[in-house]
Amino acid sequence: MESASQDINLNSPNKGLLSDTMTDVPVDNAASARMSTPEGLTLAEEEELRSELAKVEEEIGTLRQVLAAKERHCGELKRKLGLTPLDGLKQNLSKSWHDVQVSNAYKKTQETLSQAGQKTSAALSNVGSVISRKFGDMRNSATFKSFEDRVGTIKSRVVGSRENSTDSLHSPSGAGDKPPQDNTPF
């Protein structure tokens, strides 16, 4: 690279200038030269590898600059379009949810839960039928008939005694101060 502030052309002036936050790891050639040559490498091979390493590190630096410039450009375009980070988050969540829904794991889980729901519904329906049948059997039993007869007898006595007391209210001899009461049972 010619200089640290070299302009990278991205169809816009001054795009791609190195920012102060971008730092590369410096290569200390003097320290690496002091190290002994690795076994099996000739001096020429070592020099060639060091040259290649320097080129790769320079390319990495250039790519970092290009990436930073592209990210700035992307941010500017989003700002001009009025896209906010919240819009991006919504879009990412929507895409992620869609990806989950089309995944095989989601489809298998959905199918399994659907089958479990159908089986549970059938089981609850059977339980309801059994309970209904048991109540019907219980209602037709002699014990329940006897209990029902006794409740009916008690009811008729209570309602009958109310009717007798309300008849006295409506008769000419009864007190006319009290309003008539509703005699409907329960």
C-alpha atoms as a PDB file:
ATOM      1  CA  MET A   1       0.000   0.000   0.000  1.00  0.00           C
ATOM      2  CA  GLU A   2       1.212   3.463  -0.751  1.00  0.00           C
ATOM      3  CA  SER A   3      -0.059   5.259   2.343  1.00  0.00           C
ATOM      4  CA  ALA A   4      -2.328   4.688   5.317  1.00  0.00           C
ATOM      5  CA  SER A   5      -4.866   7.213   4.042  1.00  0.00           C
ATOM      6  CA  GLN A   6      -5.068   5.867   0.501  1.00  0.00           C
ATOM      7  CA  ASP A   7      -8.484   6.544  -1.112  1.00  0.00           C
ATOM      8  CA  ILE A   8     -10.349   3.378  -2.070  1.00  0.00           C
ATOM      9  CA  ASN A   9     -12.691   4.124  -4.945  1.00  0.00           C
ATOM     10  CA  LEU A  10     -16.256   3.091  -4.168  1.00  0.00           C
ATOM     11  CA  ASN A  11     -17.812   5.489  -6.680  1.00  0.00           C
ATOM     12  CA  SER A  12     -17.752   8.191  -4.080  1.00  0.00           C
ATOM     13  CA  PRO A  13     -15.014  10.644  -3.132  1.00  0.00           C
ATOM     14  CA  ASN A  14     -13.015   9.919   0.010  1.00  0.00           C
ATOM     15  CA  LYS A  15     -14.766   6.614   0.714  1.00  0.00           C
ATOM     16  CA  GLY A  16     -12.540   4.036   2.272  1.00  0.00           C
ATOM     17  CA  LEU A  17     -10.201   6.276   4.179  1.00  0.00           C
ATOM     18  CA  LEU A  18      -8.589   4.457   7.030  1.00  0.00           C
ATOM     19  CA  SER A  19     -10.262   5.350  10.293  1.00  0.00           C
ATOM     20  CA  ASP A  20      -8.380   5.866  13.523  1.00  0.00           C
ATOM     21  CA  THR A  21     -10.124   2.857  15.019  1.00  0.00           C
ATOM     22  CA  MET A  22      -8.710   0.488  12.416  1.00  0.00           C
ATOM     23  CA  THR A  23      -5.409  -0.970  13.537  1.00  0.00           C
ATOM     24  CA  ASP A  24      -3.385  -3.751  12.084  1.00  0.00           C
ATOM     25  CA  VAL A  25      -1.160  -6.019  14.049  1.00  0.00           C
ATOM     26  CA  PRO A  26       2.369  -4.835  13.292  1.00  0.00           C
ATOM     27  CA  VAL A  27       4.881  -7.354  12.111  1.00  0.00           C
ATOM     28  CA  ASP A  28       8.215  -6.963  13.817  1.00  0.00           C
ATOM     29  CA  ASN A  29      10.607  -8.040  11.072  1.00  0.00           C
ATOM     30  CA  ALA A  30      13.641  -7.482  13.294  1.00  0.00           C
ATOM     31  CA  ALA A  31      12.304  -9.844  15.959  1.00  0.00           C
ATOM     32  CA  SER A  32      11.375 -12.491  13.439  1.00  0.00           C
ATOM     33  CA  ALA A  33      14.776 -12.204  11.784  1.00  0.00           C
ATOM     34  CA  ARG A  34      16.438 -12.931  15.104  1.00  0.00           C
ATOM     35  CA  MET A  35      14.627 -16.259  15.304  1.00  0.00           C
ATOM     36  CA  SER A  36      16.460 -19.166  13.841  1.00  0.00           C
ATOM     37  CA  THR A  37      15.446 -20.615  10.527  1.00  0.00           C
ATOM     38  CA  PRO A  38      12.892 -23.423  10.983  1.00  0.00           C
ATOM     39  CA  GLU A  39      14.179 -26.893  10.273  1.00  0.00           C
ATOM     40  CA  GLY A  40      13.905 -28.035   6.709  1.00  0.00           C
ATOM     41  CA  LEU A  41      13.718 -24.506   5.210  1.00  0.00           C
ATOM     42  CA  THR A  42      16.453 -22.897   3.267  1.00  0.00           C
ATOM     43  CA  LEU A  43      17.144 -19.215   3.636  1.00  0.00           C
ATOM     44  CA  ALA A  44      15.534 -18.554   0.235  1.00  0.00           C
ATOM     45  CA  GLU A  45      12.358 -20.486   1.193  1.00  0.00           C
ATOM     46  CA  GLU A  46      12.131 -18.593   4.463  1.00  0.00           C
ATOM     47  CA  GLU A  47      12.521 -15.260   2.666  1.00  0.00           C
ATOM     48  CA  GLU A  48       9.841 -16.261   0.147  1.00  0.00           C
ATOM     49  CA  LEU A  49       7.440 -17.245   2.960  1.00  0.00           C
ATOM     50  CA  ARG A  50       8.124 -13.962   4.791  1.00  0.00           C
ATOM     51  CA  SER A  51       7.433 -12.032   1.602  1.00  0.00           C
ATOM     52  CA  GLU A  52       4.192 -13.932   1.063  1.00  0.00           C
ATOM     53  CA  LEU A  53       3.208 -13.321   4.714  1.00  0.00           C
ATOM     54  CA  ALA A  54       3.782  -9.583   4.278  1.00  0.00           C
ATOM     55  CA  LYS A  55       1.622  -9.567   1.129  1.00  0.00           C
ATOM     56  CA  VAL A  56      -1.189 -11.465   2.870  1.00  0.00           C
ATOM     57  CA  GLU A  57      -1.066  -9.090   5.850  1.00  0.00           C
ATOM     58  CA  GLU A  58      -1.203  -6.134   3.477  1.00  0.00           C
ATOM     59  CA  GLU A  59      -4.219  -7.682   1.696  1.00  0.00           C
ATOM     60  CA  ILE A  60      -5.914  -8.203   5.057  1.00  0.00           C
ATOM     61  CA  GLY A  61      -5.409  -4.531   5.880  1.00  0.00           C
ATOM     62  CA  THR A  62      -6.806  -3.503   2.506  1.00  0.00           C
ATOM     63  CA  LEU A  63      -9.818  -5.771   2.923  1.00  0.00           C
ATOM     64  CA  ARG A  64     -10.469  -4.282   6.363  1.00  0.00           C
ATOM     65  CA  GLN A  65     -10.421  -0.817   4.839  1.00  0.00           C
ATOM     66  CA  VAL A  66     -12.769  -1.873   2.042  1.00  0.00           C
ATOM     67  CA  LEU A  67     -15.121  -3.548   4.509  1.00  0.00           C
ATOM     68  CA  ALA A  68     -15.182  -0.474   6.760  1.00  0.00           C
ATOM     69  CA  ALA A  69     -15.891   1.752   3.751  1.00  0.00           C
ATOM     70  CA  LYS A  70     -18.669  -0.532   2.539  1.00  0.00           C
ATOM     71  CA  GLU A  71     -20.232  -0.610   6.019  1.00  0.00           C
ATOM     72  CA  ARG A  72     -20.190   3.195   6.159  1.00  0.00           C
ATOM     73  CA  HIS A  73     -21.696   3.378   2.667  1.00  0.00           C
ATOM     74  CA  CYS A  74     -24.359   0.845   3.649  1.00  0.00           C
ATOM     75  CA  GLY A  75     -25.197   2.901   6.744  1.00  0.00           C
ATOM     76  CA  GLU A  76     -25.500   6.066   4.650  1.00  0.00           C
ATOM     77  CA  LEU A  77     -27.807   4.337   2.163  1.00  0.00           C
ATOM     78  CA  LYS A  78     -30.006   3.006   4.954  1.00  0.00           C
ATOM     79  CA  ARG A  79     -30.143   6.455   6.550  1.00  0.00           C
ATOM     80  CA  LYS A  80     -31.118   8.052   3.220  1.00  0.00           C
ATOM     81  CA  LEU A  81     -33.826   5.416   2.712  1.00  0.00           C
ATOM     82  CA  GLY A  82     -35.135   6.027   6.217  1.00  0.00           C
ATOM     83  CA  LEU A  83     -34.412   2.494   7.348  1.00  0.00           C
ATOM     84  CA  THR A  84     -33.870   2.264  11.070  1.00  0.00           C
ATOM     85  CA  PRO A  85     -32.150  -0.466  13.037  1.00  0.00           C
ATOM     86  CA  LEU A  86     -35.614  -1.482  14.259  1.00  0.00           C
ATOM     87  CA  ASP A  87     -36.697  -2.112  10.664  1.00  0.00           C
ATOM     88  CA  GLY A  88     -33.667  -4.325  10.168  1.00  0.00           C
ATOM     89  CA  LEU A  89     -34.443  -6.195  13.369  1.00  0.00           C
ATOM     90  CA  LYS A  90     -38.055  -6.731  12.291  1.00  0.00           C
ATOM     91  CA  GLN A  91     -36.904  -8.001   8.920  1.00  0.00           C
ATOM     92  CA  ASN A  92     -34.343 -10.325  10.508  1.00  0.00           C
ATOM     93  CA  LEU A  93     -36.918 -11.701  12.973  1.00  0.00           C
ATOM     94  CA  SER A  94     -39.455 -12.203  10.209  1.00  0.00           C
ATOM     95  CA  LYS A  95     -36.920 -14.033   8.059  1.00  0.00           C
ATOM     96  CA  SER A  96     -35.746 -16.109  11.015  1.00  0.00           C
ATOM     97  CA  TRP A  97     -39.318 -17.103  11.905  1.00  0.00           C
ATOM     98  CA  HIS A  98     -39.943 -18.060   8.271  1.00  0.00           C
ATOM     99  CA  ASP A  99     -36.739 -20.122   8.264  1.00  0.00           C
ATOM    100  CA  VAL A 100     -37.856 -21.885  11.446  1.00  0.00           C
ATOM    101  CA  GLN A 101     -41.287 -22.640   9.988  1.00  0.00           C
ATOM    102  CA  VAL A 102     -39.872 -24.240   6.865  1.00  0.00           C
ATOM    103  CA  SER A 103     -37.302 -26.286   8.781  1.00  0.00           C
ATOM    104  CA  ASN A 104     -37.759 -30.034   9.011  1.00  0.00           C
ATOM    105  CA  ALA A 105     -37.526 -29.982  12.801  1.00  0.00           C
ATOM    106  CA  TYR A 106     -40.392 -27.477  13.060  1.00  0.00           C
ATOM    107  CA  LYS A 107     -42.545 -29.459  10.624  1.00  0.00           C
ATOM    108  CA  LYS A 108     -41.941 -32.705  12.527  1.00  0.00           C
ATOM    109  CA  THR A 109     -42.665 -31.036  15.867  1.00  0.00           C
ATOM    110  CA  GLN A 110     -45.829 -29.444  14.496  1.00  0.00           C
ATOM    111  CA  GLU A 111     -46.993 -32.787  13.119  1.00  0.00           C
ATOM    112  CA  THR A 112     -46.262 -34.567  16.411  1.00  0.00           C
ATOM    113  CA  LEU A 113     -48.085 -31.927  18.448  1.00  0.00           C
ATOM    114  CA  SER A 114     -51.037 -32.075  16.072  1.00  0.00           C
ATOM    115  CA  GLN A 115     -51.267 -35.841  16.487  1.00  0.00           C
ATOM    116  CA  ALA A 116     -50.944 -35.500  20.260  1.00  0.00           C
ATOM    117  CA  GLY A 117     -53.739 -32.905  20.250  1.00  0.00           C
ATOM    118  CA  GLN A 118     -56.000 -35.197  18.237  1.00  0.00           C
ATOM    119  CA  LYS A 119     -55.326 -38.114  20.579  1.00  0.00           C
ATOM    120  CA  THR A 120     -55.914 -35.921  23.639  1.00  0.00           C
ATOM    121  CA  SER A 121     -59.177 -34.638  22.160  1.00  0.00           C
ATOM    122  CA  ALA A 122     -60.337 -38.187  21.472  1.00  0.00           C
ATOM    123  CA  ALA A 123     -59.387 -39.283  24.991  1.00  0.00           C
ATOM    124  CA  LEU A 124     -61.237 -36.347  26.584  1.00  0.00           C
ATOM    125  CA  SER A 125     -64.269 -37.084  24.434  1.00  0.00           C
ATOM    126  CA  ASN A 126     -64.208 -40.686  25.639  1.00  0.00           C
ATOM    127  CA  VAL A 127     -63.885 -39.548  29.258  1.00  0.00           C
ATOM    128  CA  GLY A 128     -66.848 -37.201  28.779  1.00  0.00           C
ATOM    129  CA  SER A 129     -68.930 -40.037  27.317  1.00  0.00           C
ATOM    130  CA  VAL A 130     -68.031 -42.349  30.193  1.00  0.00           C
ATOM    131  CA  ILE A 131     -68.879 -39.700  32.796  1.00  0.00           C
ATOM    132  CA  SER A 132     -72.169 -38.946  31.052  1.00  0.00           C
ATOM    133  CA  ARG A 133     -73.035 -42.636  30.927  1.00  0.00           C
ATOM    134  CA  LYS A 134     -72.118 -43.076  34.608  1.00  0.00           C
ATOM    135  CA  PHE A 135     -74.343 -40.132  35.593  1.00  0.00           C
ATOM    136  CA  GLY A 136     -77.163 -41.681  33.546  1.00  0.00           C
ATOM    137  CA  ASP A 137     -76.631 -45.023  35.272  1.00  0.00           C
ATOM    138  CA  MET A 138     -76.517 -43.310  38.640  1.00  0.00           C
ATOM    139  CA  ARG A 139     -79.739 -41.387  37.923  1.00  0.00           C
ATOM    140  CA  ASN A 140     -81.498 -44.619  37.039  1.00  0.00           C
ATOM    141  CA  SER A 141     -80.283 -46.345  40.195  1.00  0.00           C
ATOM    142  CA  ALA A 142     -82.675 -47.125  43.054  1.00  0.00           C
ATOM    143  CA  THR A 143     -80.673 -45.015  45.506  1.00  0.00           C
ATOM    144  CA  PHE A 144     -80.899 -41.921  43.325  1.00  0.00           C
ATOM    145  CA  LYS A 145     -84.620 -42.491  42.661  1.00  0.00           C
ATOM    146  CA  SER A 146     -85.203 -42.712  46.405  1.00  0.00           C
ATOM    147  CA  PHE A 147     -83.162 -39.539  46.984  1.00  0.00           C
ATOM    148  CA  GLU A 148     -85.018 -37.742  44.166  1.00  0.00           C
ATOM    149  CA  ASP A 149     -88.374 -38.733  45.646  1.00  0.00           C
ATOM    150  CA  ARG A 150     -87.349 -37.406  49.052  1.00  0.00           C
ATOM    151  CA  VAL A 151     -86.136 -34.100  47.608  1.00  0.00           C
ATOM    152  CA  GLY A 152     -89.392 -33.803  45.672  1.00  0.00           C
ATOM    153  CA  THR A 153     -91.403 -34.457  48.838  1.00  0.00           C
ATOM    154  CA  ILE A 154     -89.445 -31.864  50.800  1.00  0.00           C
ATOM    155  CA  LYS A 155     -89.825 -29.389  47.945  1.00  0.00           C
ATOM    156  CA  SER A 156     -93.571 -29.867  47.750  1.00  0.00           C
ATOM    157  CA  ARG A 157     -93.856 -29.384  51.496  1.00  0.00           C
ATOM    158  CA  VAL A 158     -91.800 -26.169  51.402  1.00  0.00           C
ATOM    159  CA  VAL A 159     -93.610 -24.804  48.349  1.00  0.00           C
ATOM    160  CA  GLY A 160     -96.951 -25.939  49.735  1.00  0.00           C
ATOM    161  CA  SER A 161     -96.366 -24.129  53.040  1.00  0.00           C
ATOM    162  CA  ARG A 162     -95.389 -20.987  51.124  1.00  0.00           C
ATOM    163  CA  GLU A 163     -98.559 -21.170  49.076  1.00  0.00           C
ATOM    164  CA  ASN A 164    -100.629 -21.496  52.209  1.00  0.00           C
ATOM    165  CA  SER A 165     -98.962 -18.458  53.779  1.00  0.00           C
ATOM    166  CA  THR A 166     -99.306 -16.343  50.602  1.00  0.00           C
ATOM    167  CA  ASP A 167    -102.981 -17.319  50.221  1.00  0.00           C
ATOM    168  CA  SER A 168    -103.668 -15.699  53.565  1.00  0.00           C
ATOM    169  CA  LEU A 169    -102.053 -12.503  52.259  1.00  0.00           C
ATOM    170  CA  HIS A 170    -104.416 -12.331  49.288  1.00  0.00           C
ATOM    171  CA  SER A 171    -107.584 -13.191  51.201  1.00  0.00           C
ATOM    172  CA  PRO A 172    -109.779 -10.325  52.378  1.00  0.00           C
ATOM    173  CA  SER A 173    -109.013 -11.239  55.973  1.00  0.00           C
ATOM    174  CA  GLY A 174    -105.241 -11.044  55.400  1.00  0.00           C
ATOM    175  CA  ALA A 175    -103.164  -7.898  55.863  1.00  0.00           C
ATOM    176  CA  GLY A 176    -103.203  -5.822  52.653  1.00  0.00           C
ATOM    177  CA  ASP A 177    -100.012  -3.906  53.522  1.00  0.00           C
ATOM    178  CA  LYS A 178     -97.626  -6.516  52.105  1.00  0.00           C
ATOM    179  CA  PRO A 179     -97.077  -6.821  48.338  1.00  0.00           C
ATOM    180  CA  PRO A 180     -97.718 -10.217  46.725  1.00  0.00           C
ATOM    181  CA  GLN A 181     -94.666 -12.505  46.571  1.00  0.00           C
ATOM    182  CA  ASP A 182     -93.357 -14.460  43.584  1.00  0.00           C
ATOM    183  CA  ASN A 183     -94.144 -18.115  44.239  1.00  0.00           C
ATOM    184  CA  THR A 184     -91.970 -19.639  41.539  1.00  0.00           C
ATOM    185  CA  PRO A 185     -89.903 -22.440  43.069  1.00  0.00           C
ATOM    186  CA  PHE A 186     -86.135 -22.133  42.912  1.00  0.00           C
END
